[in-house]
C-alpha atoms as a PDB file:
ATOM      1  CA  MET A   1      -5.295 -13.544 -12.624  1.00  0.00           C
ATOM      2  CA  GLU A   2      -3.561 -11.830 -10.290  1.00  0.00           C
ATOM      3  CA  LEU A   3      -3.494 -12.540  -6.901  1.00  0.00           C
ATOM      4  CA  TYR A   4      -3.354  -9.841  -3.982  1.00  0.00           C
ATOM      5  CA  HIS A   5      -4.362  -9.075  -0.856  1.00  0.00           C
ATOM      6  CA  THR A   6      -5.380  -6.219   1.444  1.00  0.00           C
ATOM      7  CA  THR A   7      -4.597  -5.994   5.365  1.00  0.00           C
ATOM      8  CA  ASP A   8      -6.784  -3.077   7.455  1.00  0.00           C
ATOM      9  CA  ALA A   9      -5.511  -1.210  10.294  1.00  0.00           C
ATOM     10  CA  ASP A  10      -6.934  -4.077  12.331  1.00  0.00           C
ATOM     11  CA  GLY A  11      -4.837  -6.629  10.546  1.00  0.00           C
ATOM     12  CA  ILE A  12      -7.659  -8.243   8.992  1.00  0.00           C
ATOM     13  CA  THR A  13      -6.539  -9.309   5.434  1.00  0.00           C
ATOM     14  CA  GLU A  14      -8.634  -9.536   2.290  1.00  0.00           C
ATOM     15  CA  ILE A  15      -7.774 -11.660  -0.972  1.00  0.00           C
ATOM     16  CA  ASN A  16      -8.762  -9.824  -4.267  1.00  0.00           C
ATOM     17  CA  PRO A  17     -11.183  -6.719  -2.836  1.00  0.00           C
ATOM     18  CA  SER A  18     -13.127  -4.673  -5.137  1.00  0.00           C
ATOM     19  CA  GLU A  19     -11.555  -1.163  -6.141  1.00  0.00           C
ATOM     20  CA  ALA A  20     -14.765   0.117  -4.355  1.00  0.00           C
ATOM     21  CA  ARG A  21     -13.614  -2.217  -1.220  1.00  0.00           C
ATOM     22  CA  MET A  22     -10.142  -0.828  -1.873  1.00  0.00           C
ATOM     23  CA  ARG A  23     -11.680   2.937  -1.679  1.00  0.00           C
ATOM     24  CA  GLU A  24     -13.052   2.116   1.812  1.00  0.00           C
ATOM     25  CA  LEU A  25      -9.945   0.665   3.194  1.00  0.00           C
ATOM     26  CA  LEU A  26      -8.266   3.666   1.965  1.00  0.00           C
ATOM     27  CA  ASP A  27     -11.217   6.019   3.411  1.00  0.00           C
ATOM     28  CA  GLU A  28     -11.018   4.196   6.520  1.00  0.00           C
ATOM     29  CA  LEU A  29      -7.798   5.814   7.532  1.00  0.00           C
ATOM     30  CA  ASP A  30      -9.183   9.174   8.031  1.00  0.00           C
ATOM     31  CA  ASP A  31     -10.739   7.500  11.118  1.00  0.00           C
ATOM     32  CA  ILE A  32      -8.108   6.100  12.440  1.00  0.00           C
ATOM     33  CA  ASP A  33      -6.968   7.323  15.920  1.00  0.00           C
ATOM     34  CA  ILE A  34      -3.192   6.560  15.887  1.00  0.00           C
ATOM     35  CA  THR A  35      -2.480   6.557  19.373  1.00  0.00           C
ATOM     36  CA  GLU A  36      -4.700   3.817  19.865  1.00  0.00           C
ATOM     37  CA  THR A  37      -4.113   1.388  16.677  1.00  0.00           C
ATOM     38  CA  ALA A  38      -0.792  -0.871  16.726  1.00  0.00           C
ATOM     39  CA  HIS A  39      -1.116  -0.529  13.203  1.00  0.00           C
ATOM     40  CA  PRO A  40      -2.067   3.102  11.456  1.00  0.00           C
ATOM     41  CA  ASP A  41      -1.848   1.739   7.759  1.00  0.00           C
ATOM     42  CA  VAL A  42      -3.279  -0.411   5.187  1.00  0.00           C
ATOM     43  CA  SER A  43      -1.474  -2.043   2.946  1.00  0.00           C
ATOM     44  CA  LEU A  44      -1.940  -3.948  -0.463  1.00  0.00           C
ATOM     45  CA  ILE A  45       0.506  -7.094  -1.896  1.00  0.00           C
ATOM     46  CA  HIS A  46       1.281  -8.468  -4.969  1.00  0.00           C
ATOM     47  CA  ASP A  47       1.445 -12.205  -3.658  1.00  0.00           C
ATOM     48  CA  PHE A  48       3.407 -13.453  -6.541  1.00  0.00           C
ATOM     49  CA  SER A  49       5.800 -10.565  -6.909  1.00  0.00           C
ATOM     50  CA  GLY A  50       5.843  -9.795  -3.173  1.00  0.00           C
ATOM     51  CA  TRP A  51       6.026  -6.055  -3.700  1.00  0.00           C
ATOM     52  CA  MET A  52       3.818  -4.432  -1.015  1.00  0.00           C
ATOM     53  CA  LEU A  53       2.139  -0.700  -0.978  1.00  0.00           C
ATOM     54  CA  THR A  54       1.301   0.743   2.838  1.00  0.00           C
ATOM     55  CA  VAL A  55      -0.516   3.612   2.980  1.00  0.00           C
ATOM     56  CA  TYR A  56      -0.153   5.676   5.889  1.00  0.00           C
ATOM     57  CA  PRO A  57      -3.055   8.449   7.317  1.00  0.00           C
ATOM     58  CA  ARG A  58      -1.033  11.252   6.514  1.00  0.00           C
ATOM     59  CA  GLY A  59      -0.428  11.026   3.002  1.00  0.00           C
ATOM     60  CA  ILE A  60       2.890   8.773   3.263  1.00  0.00           C
ATOM     61  CA  ILE A  61       3.324   5.450   1.153  1.00  0.00           C
ATOM     62  CA  SER A  62       5.825   3.072   1.411  1.00  0.00           C
ATOM     63  CA  LEU A  63       6.842   0.592  -1.239  1.00  0.00           C
ATOM     64  CA  GLU A  64       8.481  -2.584  -0.404  1.00  0.00           C
ATOM     65  CA  ASN A  65       9.349  -6.028  -1.850  1.00  0.00           C
ATOM     66  CA  LEU A  66       8.880  -8.505   0.839  1.00  0.00           C
ATOM     67  CA  ASP A  67      11.077 -11.030  -1.175  1.00  0.00           C
ATOM     68  CA  GLN A  68      14.247  -9.270  -1.579  1.00  0.00           C
ATOM     69  CA  ASN A  69      15.552  -7.976   1.587  1.00  0.00           C
ATOM     70  CA  ASP A  70      18.675  -6.115  -0.156  1.00  0.00           C
ATOM     71  CA  GLU A  71      16.244  -3.496  -1.124  1.00  0.00           C
ATOM     72  CA  ALA A  72      15.430  -0.650   1.024  1.00  0.00           C
ATOM     73  CA  PRO A  73      11.638   0.203   1.320  1.00  0.00           C
ATOM     74  CA  ARG A  74      11.034   3.470  -1.105  1.00  0.00           C
ATOM     75  CA  PHE A  75       8.906   6.460   0.213  1.00  0.00           C
ATOM     76  CA  MET A  76       6.439   9.156  -0.999  1.00  0.00           C
ATOM     77  CA  LYS A  77       5.232  12.143   1.105  1.00  0.00           C
ATOM     78  CA  GLY A  78       1.431  14.104   0.112  1.00  0.00           C
ATOM     79  CA  VAL A  79       0.061  11.069  -1.780  1.00  0.00           C
ATOM     80  CA  SER A  80      -3.755  11.954  -1.892  1.00  0.00           C
ATOM     81  CA  ARG A  81      -6.034   8.746  -1.040  1.00  0.00           C
ATOM     82  CA  LYS A  82      -6.807   9.023  -5.531  1.00  0.00           C
ATOM     83  CA  ALA A  83      -3.273   8.921  -5.940  1.00  0.00           C
ATOM     84  CA  SER A  84      -3.125   5.874  -3.644  1.00  0.00           C
ATOM     85  CA  LEU A  85      -5.687   3.850  -4.777  1.00  0.00           C
ATOM     86  CA  GLU A  86      -4.299   4.594  -8.517  1.00  0.00           C
ATOM     87  CA  LEU A  87      -1.254   2.656  -7.200  1.00  0.00           C
ATOM     88  CA  TRP A  88      -2.875  -0.302  -5.740  1.00  0.00           C
ATOM     89  CA  LEU A  89      -5.177  -0.985  -8.493  1.00  0.00           C
ATOM     90  CA  GLU A  90      -2.012  -0.780 -10.562  1.00  0.00           C
ATOM     91  CA  LEU A  91       0.043  -3.455  -7.980  1.00  0.00           C
ATOM     92  CA  ALA A  92      -3.316  -5.649  -8.341  1.00  0.00           C
ATOM     93  CA  ARG A  93      -3.276  -5.904 -11.958  1.00  0.00           C
ATOM     94  CA  GLY A  94       0.342  -6.826 -11.727  1.00  0.00           C
ATOM     95  CA  GLU A  95       1.788  -3.197 -13.602  1.00  0.00           C
ATOM     96  CA  ILE A  96       4.962  -3.387 -11.387  1.00  0.00           C
ATOM     97  CA  HIS A  97       6.850  -1.299 -14.018  1.00  0.00           C
ATOM     98  CA  LYS A  98       4.238   1.565 -13.610  1.00  0.00           C
ATOM     99  CA  VAL A  99       4.302   1.601  -9.417  1.00  0.00           C
ATOM    100  CA  ASN A 100       8.207   0.814  -9.776  1.00  0.00           C
ATOM    101  CA  ALA A 101       8.307   4.177 -12.480  1.00  0.00           C
ATOM    102  CA  ARG A 102       6.823   6.701  -9.573  1.00  0.00           C
ATOM    103  CA  ASN A 103       8.937   9.816  -8.174  1.00  0.00           C
ATOM    104  CA  TRP A 104       9.938   7.096  -5.121  1.00  0.00           C
ATOM    105  CA  GLN A 105      12.432   8.346  -2.231  1.00  0.00           C
ATOM    106  CA  ILE A 106      15.029   6.080  -0.295  1.00  0.00           C
ATOM    107  CA  GLN A 107      14.694   6.994   3.318  1.00  0.00           C
ATOM    108  CA  GLU A 108      18.808   7.557   4.244  1.00  0.00           C
ATOM    109  CA  ALA A 109      20.095   5.806   7.572  1.00  0.00           C
END
């Protein structure tokens, strides 16, 4: 079994949430007031690999490996909630190759 966890905008962590709960967490982004929230995003971390997908309210998603400091985070814009859920599910199943195969962009300094 894969071990993963989510963190919501309030910093609350859930270990191995169901697909339905993941959908709820992503849907909560529609209700976040980004001017009043310290962390206006939700994330999923695949614990064994260190890969993290963070989803922001305006359809931005980032991918980074917490264990590899030498690799820059990657981003995608215009990502639907459905596509965000699909990415989360792939990462939760440990399908890192599928997540990495997407059309990611590296933010230039």
